[in-house]
Amino acid sequence: MKLYPQLRALQSRFPALLSMKSGAQRLMRRAMKRPFERDFEVLARLKVRPGECAIDVGANRGQSIDAIRLYQPALPIHSFEPSTLLADRLRQRYGNSAAVTIHNCGLSERAEERVLYLPVYRDFPYDGLASFDREEAAGWLNAETVAGFDPSHLDVRETVCVTERLDAFDFAPAFLKIDVQGFEANVLKGGEEMLEKHNPLILLENNDAADAWLTGKGWRRLAYAGGRLQEGARGKSNTFYLSPRGSDRLTD
């Protein structure tokens, strides 16, 4: 029996389980001083210059914020989350920290209003799968990922959100993380000038379009596995990228 599909089936029927699970996982990670994804261990080697920050695109429930702070506690973080519900929860959690700023908007290649698609199964919203791409939002929940999946109980709800261009913000990023369910290339295109100027270390959820855009501009891939970075490879779920002028972003 596969565990995770069974857990998602229970979670869909008993929504309170998600809050309990998320809270328990966060407490455990903090106690053990571990990030939610091991890729973030690389941030211990990140070189940060005066005035620089981290940018977290697709903040969700704050997992990346906690991971960044674990290795770079003094680094200011700008987190972007288009869901008003999630953004409000993040503000409640991190509102007392001057180093964390929550931006309730999405990022794209242009400033406009866009529809955010949220998959809902048995009236349970899978907010971590919300996307500006409807197919991305609707496609992940299926018989392989949810035990006893019944497509008649799957709904995709629509909310109009504001998107901005990353270049519209006056940031100097040392690190940029993007996890936006298939919309990664759009985010990059809207921040082309910023990326060229500051050459941050990028951590990207694997996405073919974004990978092609970056490598086409000379950025090189690095995969993190077994505590080491492998040049030229893509990671299992996420991949790092360094620009031609950003090779000194990491210490040896």
C-alpha atoms as a PDB file:
ATOM      1  CA  MET A   1       0.000   0.000   0.000  1.00  0.00           C
ATOM      2  CA  LYS A   2       1.370   3.402  -0.968  1.00  0.00           C
ATOM      3  CA  LEU A   3       1.292   5.733   2.017  1.00  0.00           C
ATOM      4  CA  TYR A   4       0.966   9.196   0.488  1.00  0.00           C
ATOM      5  CA  PRO A   5      -2.087   8.491  -1.720  1.00  0.00           C
ATOM      6  CA  GLN A   6      -3.816   7.063   1.368  1.00  0.00           C
ATOM      7  CA  LEU A   7      -2.918  10.136   3.424  1.00  0.00           C
ATOM      8  CA  ARG A   8      -4.255  12.481   0.727  1.00  0.00           C
ATOM      9  CA  ALA A   9      -7.509  10.528   0.638  1.00  0.00           C
ATOM     10  CA  LEU A  10      -7.878  10.962   4.410  1.00  0.00           C
ATOM     11  CA  GLN A  11      -6.866  14.609   4.204  1.00  0.00           C
ATOM     12  CA  SER A  12      -9.568  15.287   1.605  1.00  0.00           C
ATOM     13  CA  ARG A  13     -12.238  13.864   3.902  1.00  0.00           C
ATOM     14  CA  PHE A  14     -10.852  15.293   7.146  1.00  0.00           C
ATOM     15  CA  PRO A  15      -9.380  18.765   6.381  1.00  0.00           C
ATOM     16  CA  ALA A  16      -8.214  19.355   9.963  1.00  0.00           C
ATOM     17  CA  LEU A  17      -5.544  16.724   9.353  1.00  0.00           C
ATOM     18  CA  LEU A  18      -3.648  19.121   7.082  1.00  0.00           C
ATOM     19  CA  SER A  19      -3.271  21.791   9.752  1.00  0.00           C
ATOM     20  CA  MET A  20      -2.210  19.164  12.273  1.00  0.00           C
ATOM     21  CA  LYS A  21       0.259  17.621   9.842  1.00  0.00           C
ATOM     22  CA  SER A  22       1.728  20.963   8.736  1.00  0.00           C
ATOM     23  CA  GLY A  23       2.096  22.171  12.306  1.00  0.00           C
ATOM     24  CA  ALA A  24       3.739  18.951  13.457  1.00  0.00           C
ATOM     25  CA  GLN A  25       6.121  18.928  10.496  1.00  0.00           C
ATOM     26  CA  ARG A  26       7.141  22.537  11.126  1.00  0.00           C
ATOM     27  CA  LEU A  27       7.823  21.887  14.806  1.00  0.00           C
ATOM     28  CA  MET A  28       9.862  18.796  13.980  1.00  0.00           C
ATOM     29  CA  ARG A  29      11.926  20.598  11.335  1.00  0.00           C
ATOM     30  CA  ARG A  30      12.645  23.464  13.717  1.00  0.00           C
ATOM     31  CA  ALA A  31      13.649  21.094  16.503  1.00  0.00           C
ATOM     32  CA  MET A  32      15.941  19.092  14.215  1.00  0.00           C
ATOM     33  CA  LYS A  33      17.142  22.202  12.323  1.00  0.00           C
ATOM     34  CA  ARG A  34      16.336  20.683   8.951  1.00  0.00           C
ATOM     35  CA  PRO A  35      14.733  22.285   5.882  1.00  0.00           C
ATOM     36  CA  PHE A  36      11.588  20.849   4.307  1.00  0.00           C
ATOM     37  CA  GLU A  37      13.662  20.072   1.193  1.00  0.00           C
ATOM     38  CA  ARG A  38      17.348  19.221   1.410  1.00  0.00           C
ATOM     39  CA  ASP A  39      18.202  21.483  -1.538  1.00  0.00           C
ATOM     40  CA  PHE A  40      18.094  24.414   0.872  1.00  0.00           C
ATOM     41  CA  GLU A  41      21.200  23.073   2.630  1.00  0.00           C
ATOM     42  CA  VAL A  42      23.168  24.722  -0.187  1.00  0.00           C
ATOM     43  CA  LEU A  43      22.256  28.115   1.299  1.00  0.00           C
ATOM     44  CA  ALA A  44      24.877  27.520   3.995  1.00  0.00           C
ATOM     45  CA  ARG A  45      27.391  28.208   1.199  1.00  0.00           C
ATOM     46  CA  LEU A  46      25.626  31.268  -0.222  1.00  0.00           C
ATOM     47  CA  LYS A  47      27.672  34.462  -0.499  1.00  0.00           C
ATOM     48  CA  VAL A  48      25.544  37.473   0.409  1.00  0.00           C
ATOM     49  CA  ARG A  49      26.634  41.031  -0.311  1.00  0.00           C
ATOM     50  CA  PRO A  50      25.475  44.094   1.657  1.00  0.00           C
ATOM     51  CA  GLY A  51      21.952  45.159   0.726  1.00  0.00           C
ATOM     52  CA  GLU A  52      20.976  41.840  -0.834  1.00  0.00           C
ATOM     53  CA  CYS A  53      17.873  39.763  -0.096  1.00  0.00           C
ATOM     54  CA  ALA A  54      16.165  36.460  -0.836  1.00  0.00           C
ATOM     55  CA  ILE A  55      13.068  36.255  -3.035  1.00  0.00           C
ATOM     56  CA  ASP A  56      10.553  33.461  -2.449  1.00  0.00           C
ATOM     57  CA  VAL A  57       8.071  33.095  -5.316  1.00  0.00           C
ATOM     58  CA  GLY A  58       5.191  30.802  -4.405  1.00  0.00           C
ATOM     59  CA  ALA A  59       5.327  31.155  -0.624  1.00  0.00           C
ATOM     60  CA  ASN A  60       2.452  28.755   0.102  1.00  0.00           C
ATOM     61  CA  ARG A  61       2.591  27.979   3.854  1.00  0.00           C
ATOM     62  CA  GLY A  62       6.034  29.449   4.553  1.00  0.00           C
ATOM     63  CA  GLN A  63       8.145  26.323   4.133  1.00  0.00           C
ATOM     64  CA  SER A  64      10.779  28.159   2.082  1.00  0.00           C
ATOM     65  CA  ILE A  65      10.830  31.117   4.471  1.00  0.00           C
ATOM     66  CA  ASP A  66      11.703  28.795   7.349  1.00  0.00           C
ATOM     67  CA  ALA A  67      14.336  27.009   5.243  1.00  0.00           C
ATOM     68  CA  ILE A  68      16.022  30.259   4.173  1.00  0.00           C
ATOM     69  CA  ARG A  69      16.075  31.569   7.739  1.00  0.00           C
ATOM     70  CA  LEU A  70      17.627  28.329   8.944  1.00  0.00           C
ATOM     71  CA  TYR A  71      20.795  28.952   6.915  1.00  0.00           C
ATOM     72  CA  GLN A  72      20.690  32.739   6.384  1.00  0.00           C
ATOM     73  CA  PRO A  73      18.911  34.143   9.477  1.00  0.00           C
ATOM     74  CA  ALA A  74      19.902  37.766   8.783  1.00  0.00           C
ATOM     75  CA  LEU A  75      18.932  37.773   5.105  1.00  0.00           C
ATOM     76  CA  PRO A  76      15.781  39.839   4.331  1.00  0.00           C
ATOM     77  CA  ILE A  77      13.122  37.773   2.547  1.00  0.00           C
ATOM     78  CA  HIS A  78      10.472  38.970   0.108  1.00  0.00           C
ATOM     79  CA  SER A  79       7.797  36.294  -0.349  1.00  0.00           C
ATOM     80  CA  PHE A  80       5.151  36.370  -3.068  1.00  0.00           C
ATOM     81  CA  GLU A  81       1.824  34.549  -2.673  1.00  0.00           C
ATOM     82  CA  PRO A  82      -1.200  35.315  -4.909  1.00  0.00           C
ATOM     83  CA  SER A  83      -3.712  33.571  -2.630  1.00  0.00           C
ATOM     84  CA  THR A  84      -5.118  36.159  -0.226  1.00  0.00           C
ATOM     85  CA  LEU A  85      -5.995  33.434   2.286  1.00  0.00           C
ATOM     86  CA  LEU A  86      -2.451  32.081   2.371  1.00  0.00           C
ATOM     87  CA  ALA A  87      -0.878  35.552   2.312  1.00  0.00           C
ATOM     88  CA  ASP A  88      -2.944  36.566   5.349  1.00  0.00           C
ATOM     89  CA  ARG A  89      -1.861  33.428   7.209  1.00  0.00           C
ATOM     90  CA  LEU A  90       1.774  34.165   6.384  1.00  0.00           C
ATOM     91  CA  ARG A  91       1.435  37.720   7.677  1.00  0.00           C
ATOM     92  CA  GLN A  92       0.005  36.373  10.926  1.00  0.00           C
ATOM     93  CA  ARG A  93       2.918  33.958  11.283  1.00  0.00           C
ATOM     94  CA  TYR A  94       5.759  36.301  10.306  1.00  0.00           C
ATOM     95  CA  GLY A  95       4.218  39.693  11.051  1.00  0.00           C
ATOM     96  CA  ASN A  96       6.579  40.361  13.940  1.00  0.00           C
ATOM     97  CA  SER A  97       9.668  39.819  11.802  1.00  0.00           C
ATOM     98  CA  ALA A  98      11.058  42.914  10.100  1.00  0.00           C
ATOM     99  CA  ALA A  99      13.126  40.612   7.873  1.00  0.00           C
ATOM    100  CA  VAL A 100      10.111  38.972   6.177  1.00  0.00           C
ATOM    101  CA  THR A 101       7.805  40.849   3.798  1.00  0.00           C
ATOM    102  CA  ILE A 102       4.735  39.155   2.315  1.00  0.00           C
ATOM    103  CA  HIS A 103       3.525  40.392  -1.077  1.00  0.00           C
ATOM    104  CA  ASN A 104      -0.045  39.328  -1.892  1.00  0.00           C
ATOM    105  CA  CYS A 105       0.369  39.085  -5.654  1.00  0.00           C
ATOM    106  CA  GLY A 106       1.676  36.762  -8.311  1.00  0.00           C
ATOM    107  CA  LEU A 107       4.647  37.348 -10.595  1.00  0.00           C
ATOM    108  CA  SER A 108       4.571  37.137 -14.365  1.00  0.00           C
ATOM    109  CA  GLU A 109       6.099  38.646 -17.499  1.00  0.00           C
ATOM    110  CA  ARG A 110       3.660  41.566 -17.306  1.00  0.00           C
ATOM    111  CA  ALA A 111       1.502  43.392 -14.784  1.00  0.00           C
ATOM    112  CA  GLU A 112      -2.125  42.380 -15.209  1.00  0.00           C
ATOM    113  CA  GLU A 113      -5.031  40.515 -13.689  1.00  0.00           C
ATOM    114  CA  ARG A 114      -4.905  36.739 -14.068  1.00  0.00           C
ATOM    115  CA  VAL A 115      -7.091  33.853 -13.024  1.00  0.00           C
ATOM    116  CA  LEU A 116      -5.636  31.666 -10.277  1.00  0.00           C
ATOM    117  CA  TYR A 117      -6.887  28.077 -10.554  1.00  0.00           C
ATOM    118  CA  LEU A 118      -7.317  26.154  -7.305  1.00  0.00           C
ATOM    119  CA  PRO A 119      -7.989  22.386  -7.386  1.00  0.00           C
ATOM    120  CA  VAL A 120     -10.577  21.293  -4.825  1.00  0.00           C
ATOM    121  CA  TYR A 121     -11.231  17.613  -4.142  1.00  0.00           C
ATOM    122  CA  ARG A 122     -14.196  16.601  -1.974  1.00  0.00           C
ATOM    123  CA  ASP A 123     -14.447  20.268  -0.919  1.00  0.00           C
ATOM    124  CA  PHE A 124     -10.826  20.221   0.292  1.00  0.00           C
ATOM    125  CA  PRO A 125      -8.683  22.954  -1.348  1.00  0.00           C
ATOM    126  CA  TYR A 126      -5.219  21.820  -2.432  1.00  0.00           C
ATOM    127  CA  ASP A 127      -3.718  25.294  -2.182  1.00  0.00           C
ATOM    128  CA  GLY A 128      -0.194  24.028  -2.817  1.00  0.00           C
ATOM    129  CA  LEU A 129      -1.292  23.046  -6.329  1.00  0.00           C
ATOM    130  CA  ALA A 130      -2.890  26.389  -7.235  1.00  0.00           C
ATOM    131  CA  SER A 131      -1.575  27.742 -10.522  1.00  0.00           C
ATOM    132  CA  PHE A 132      -2.139  30.373 -13.189  1.00  0.00           C
ATOM    133  CA  ASP A 133      -2.084  27.414 -15.602  1.00  0.00           C
ATOM    134  CA  ARG A 134      -5.376  25.507 -15.438  1.00  0.00           C
ATOM    135  CA  GLU A 135      -3.940  22.232 -16.720  1.00  0.00           C
ATOM    136  CA  GLU A 136      -1.191  22.330 -14.103  1.00  0.00           C
ATOM    137  CA  ALA A 137      -3.736  22.957 -11.352  1.00  0.00           C
ATOM    138  CA  ALA A 138      -6.124  20.222 -12.435  1.00  0.00           C
ATOM    139  CA  GLY A 139      -3.722  17.545 -13.627  1.00  0.00           C
ATOM    140  CA  TRP A 140      -1.842  16.437 -10.527  1.00  0.00           C
ATOM    141  CA  LEU A 141      -4.726  14.963  -8.542  1.00  0.00           C
ATOM    142  CA  ASN A 142      -5.559  11.558 -10.020  1.00  0.00           C
ATOM    143  CA  ALA A 143      -5.826   7.858  -9.192  1.00  0.00           C
ATOM    144  CA  GLU A 144      -2.055   7.594  -8.696  1.00  0.00           C
ATOM    145  CA  THR A 145      -1.778  10.456  -6.207  1.00  0.00           C
ATOM    146  CA  VAL A 146      -5.048  10.023  -4.251  1.00  0.00           C
ATOM    147  CA  ALA A 147      -6.318   6.614  -3.124  1.00  0.00           C
ATOM    148  CA  GLY A 148      -9.836   5.876  -4.364  1.00  0.00           C
ATOM    149  CA  PHE A 149      -9.802   8.984  -6.553  1.00  0.00           C
ATOM    150  CA  ASP A 150     -13.209   9.902  -8.004  1.00  0.00           C
ATOM    151  CA  PRO A 151     -12.953  12.570 -10.746  1.00  0.00           C
ATOM    152  CA  SER A 152     -16.569  13.584 -10.180  1.00  0.00           C
ATOM    153  CA  HIS A 153     -15.477  15.123  -6.852  1.00  0.00           C
ATOM    154  CA  LEU A 154     -12.717  17.245  -8.407  1.00  0.00           C
ATOM    155  CA  ASP A 155     -13.471  20.917  -8.980  1.00  0.00           C
ATOM    156  CA  VAL A 156     -11.211  23.749 -10.154  1.00  0.00           C
ATOM    157  CA  ARG A 157     -12.154  27.081  -8.634  1.00  0.00           C
ATOM    158  CA  GLU A 158     -11.175  30.405 -10.148  1.00  0.00           C
ATOM    159  CA  THR A 159     -10.035  33.585  -8.412  1.00  0.00           C
ATOM    160  CA  VAL A 160      -8.859  36.761 -10.112  1.00  0.00           C
ATOM    161  CA  CYS A 161      -5.442  37.858  -8.828  1.00  0.00           C
ATOM    162  CA  VAL A 162      -3.014  40.641  -9.606  1.00  0.00           C
ATOM    163  CA  THR A 163       0.365  39.814 -11.117  1.00  0.00           C
ATOM    164  CA  GLU A 164       3.402  42.078 -11.243  1.00  0.00           C
ATOM    165  CA  ARG A 165       6.774  41.946 -12.959  1.00  0.00           C
ATOM    166  CA  LEU A 166       9.730  41.162 -10.739  1.00  0.00           C
ATOM    167  CA  ASP A 167      11.625  43.959 -12.481  1.00  0.00           C
ATOM    168  CA  ALA A 168       9.096  46.440 -11.056  1.00  0.00           C
ATOM    169  CA  PHE A 169      10.595  45.886  -7.588  1.00  0.00           C
ATOM    170  CA  ASP A 170      13.831  47.434  -6.372  1.00  0.00           C
ATOM    171  CA  PHE A 171      15.405  44.219  -5.078  1.00  0.00           C
ATOM    172  CA  ALA A 172      18.990  42.984  -5.129  1.00  0.00           C
ATOM    173  CA  PRO A 173      18.558  39.211  -4.762  1.00  0.00           C
ATOM    174  CA  ALA A 174      21.317  36.878  -3.670  1.00  0.00           C
ATOM    175  CA  PHE A 175      18.884  33.954  -3.887  1.00  0.00           C
ATOM    176  CA  LEU A 176      15.698  33.401  -5.877  1.00  0.00           C
ATOM    177  CA  LYS A 177      13.414  30.431  -5.317  1.00  0.00           C
ATOM    178  CA  ILE A 178      10.506  29.789  -7.705  1.00  0.00           C
ATOM    179  CA  ASP A 179       7.838  27.101  -7.244  1.00  0.00           C
ATOM    180  CA  VAL A 180       4.673  28.161  -9.046  1.00  0.00           C
ATOM    181  CA  GLN A 181       3.201  25.036 -10.638  1.00  0.00           C
ATOM    182  CA  GLY A 182       4.261  25.414 -14.265  1.00  0.00           C
ATOM    183  CA  PHE A 183       4.482  29.215 -14.386  1.00  0.00           C
ATOM    184  CA  GLU A 184       8.212  29.454 -13.674  1.00  0.00           C
ATOM    185  CA  ALA A 185       9.262  30.724 -17.117  1.00  0.00           C
ATOM    186  CA  ASN A 186       6.757  33.595 -16.920  1.00  0.00           C
ATOM    187  CA  VAL A 187       8.258  34.703 -13.603  1.00  0.00           C
ATOM    188  CA  LEU A 188      11.780  34.629 -15.026  1.00  0.00           C
ATOM    189  CA  LYS A 189      10.838  36.646 -18.100  1.00  0.00           C
ATOM    190  CA  GLY A 190       9.361  39.343 -15.876  1.00  0.00           C
ATOM    191  CA  GLY A 191      12.613  39.607 -13.938  1.00  0.00           C
ATOM    192  CA  GLU A 192      15.161  39.450 -16.748  1.00  0.00           C
ATOM    193  CA  GLU A 193      16.774  42.807 -15.945  1.00  0.00           C
ATOM    194  CA  MET A 194      17.074  42.005 -12.246  1.00  0.00           C
ATOM    195  CA  LEU A 195      18.625  38.622 -12.955  1.00  0.00           C
ATOM    196  CA  GLU A 196      21.152  40.079 -15.368  1.00  0.00           C
ATOM    197  CA  LYS A 197      22.136  42.797 -12.908  1.00  0.00           C
ATOM    198  CA  HIS A 198      22.412  40.786  -9.682  1.00  0.00           C
ATOM    199  CA  ASN A 199      23.132  37.192 -10.819  1.00  0.00           C
ATOM    200  CA  PRO A 200      21.419  35.419  -7.899  1.00  0.00           C
ATOM    201  CA  LEU A 201      21.559  31.735  -7.158  1.00  0.00           C
ATOM    202  CA  ILE A 202      18.251  30.359  -8.474  1.00  0.00           C
ATOM    203  CA  LEU A 203      16.418  27.317  -7.114  1.00  0.00           C
ATOM    204  CA  LEU A 204      13.695  26.246  -9.498  1.00  0.00           C
ATOM    205  CA  GLU A 205      11.097  23.504  -9.378  1.00  0.00           C
ATOM    206  CA  ASN A 206      11.911  21.468 -12.474  1.00  0.00           C
ATOM    207  CA  ASN A 207      10.244  23.002 -15.503  1.00  0.00           C
ATOM    208  CA  ASP A 208      11.290  22.471 -19.125  1.00  0.00           C
ATOM    209  CA  ALA A 209      10.308  25.927 -20.385  1.00  0.00           C
ATOM    210  CA  ALA A 210      12.138  27.706 -17.569  1.00  0.00           C
ATOM    211  CA  ASP A 211      15.177  25.462 -17.976  1.00  0.00           C
ATOM    212  CA  ALA A 212      15.342  26.239 -21.702  1.00  0.00           C
ATOM    213  CA  TRP A 213      15.019  29.976 -21.049  1.00  0.00           C
ATOM    214  CA  LEU A 214      17.822  30.017 -18.483  1.00  0.00           C
ATOM    215  CA  THR A 215      20.250  27.717 -20.267  1.00  0.00           C
ATOM    216  CA  GLY A 216      19.622  29.632 -23.488  1.00  0.00           C
ATOM    217  CA  LYS A 217      21.032  32.687 -21.718  1.00  0.00           C
ATOM    218  CA  GLY A 218      24.088  30.838 -20.474  1.00  0.00           C
ATOM    219  CA  TRP A 219      22.939  29.883 -16.976  1.00  0.00           C
ATOM    220  CA  ARG A 220      24.271  26.492 -15.922  1.00  0.00           C
ATOM    221  CA  ARG A 221      22.464  23.770 -14.004  1.00  0.00           C
ATOM    222  CA  LEU A 222      23.491  22.203 -10.721  1.00  0.00           C
ATOM    223  CA  ALA A 223      21.775  19.283  -9.012  1.00  0.00           C
ATOM    224  CA  TYR A 224      22.067  18.723  -5.257  1.00  0.00           C
ATOM    225  CA  ALA A 225      22.224  15.126  -4.088  1.00  0.00           C
ATOM    226  CA  GLY A 226      24.068  13.337  -1.333  1.00  0.00           C
ATOM    227  CA  GLY A 227      25.279  16.616   0.108  1.00  0.00           C
ATOM    228  CA  ARG A 228      27.056  17.591  -3.114  1.00  0.00           C
ATOM    229  CA  LEU A 229      26.343  19.750  -6.153  1.00  0.00           C
ATOM    230  CA  GLN A 230      26.618  18.060  -9.540  1.00  0.00           C
ATOM    231  CA  GLU A 231      27.450  20.337 -12.448  1.00  0.00           C
ATOM    232  CA  GLY A 232      25.217  20.191 -15.531  1.00  0.00           C
ATOM    233  CA  ALA A 233      22.561  17.878 -14.079  1.00  0.00           C
ATOM    234  CA  ARG A 234      18.946  18.455 -13.117  1.00  0.00           C
ATOM    235  CA  GLY A 235      17.773  17.519  -9.650  1.00  0.00           C
ATOM    236  CA  LYS A 236      15.054  15.014  -8.839  1.00  0.00           C
ATOM    237  CA  SER A 237      12.482  17.742  -8.123  1.00  0.00           C
ATOM    238  CA  ASN A 238      14.410  21.024  -8.099  1.00  0.00           C
ATOM    239  CA  THR A 239      17.464  22.382  -9.892  1.00  0.00           C
ATOM    240  CA  PHE A 240      19.898  25.185  -9.080  1.00  0.00           C
ATOM    241  CA  TYR A 241      21.093  27.665 -11.702  1.00  0.00           C
ATOM    242  CA  LEU A 242      24.091  30.009 -11.755  1.00  0.00           C
ATOM    243  CA  SER A 243      24.666  32.736 -14.323  1.00  0.00           C
ATOM    244  CA  PRO A 244      27.939  33.107 -16.258  1.00  0.00           C
ATOM    245  CA  ARG A 245      28.811  36.056 -14.014  1.00  0.00           C
ATOM    246  CA  GLY A 246      27.519  34.469 -10.817  1.00  0.00           C
ATOM    247  CA  SER A 247      29.955  31.600 -10.417  1.00  0.00           C
ATOM    248  CA  ASP A 248      31.247  33.135  -7.175  1.00  0.00           C
ATOM    249  CA  ARG A 249      27.828  32.950  -5.476  1.00  0.00           C
ATOM    250  CA  LEU A 250      28.818  29.830  -3.545  1.00  0.00           C
ATOM    251  CA  THR A 251      31.773  29.160  -1.284  1.00  0.00           C
ATOM    252  CA  ASP A 252      33.841  26.042  -1.826  1.00  0.00           C
END
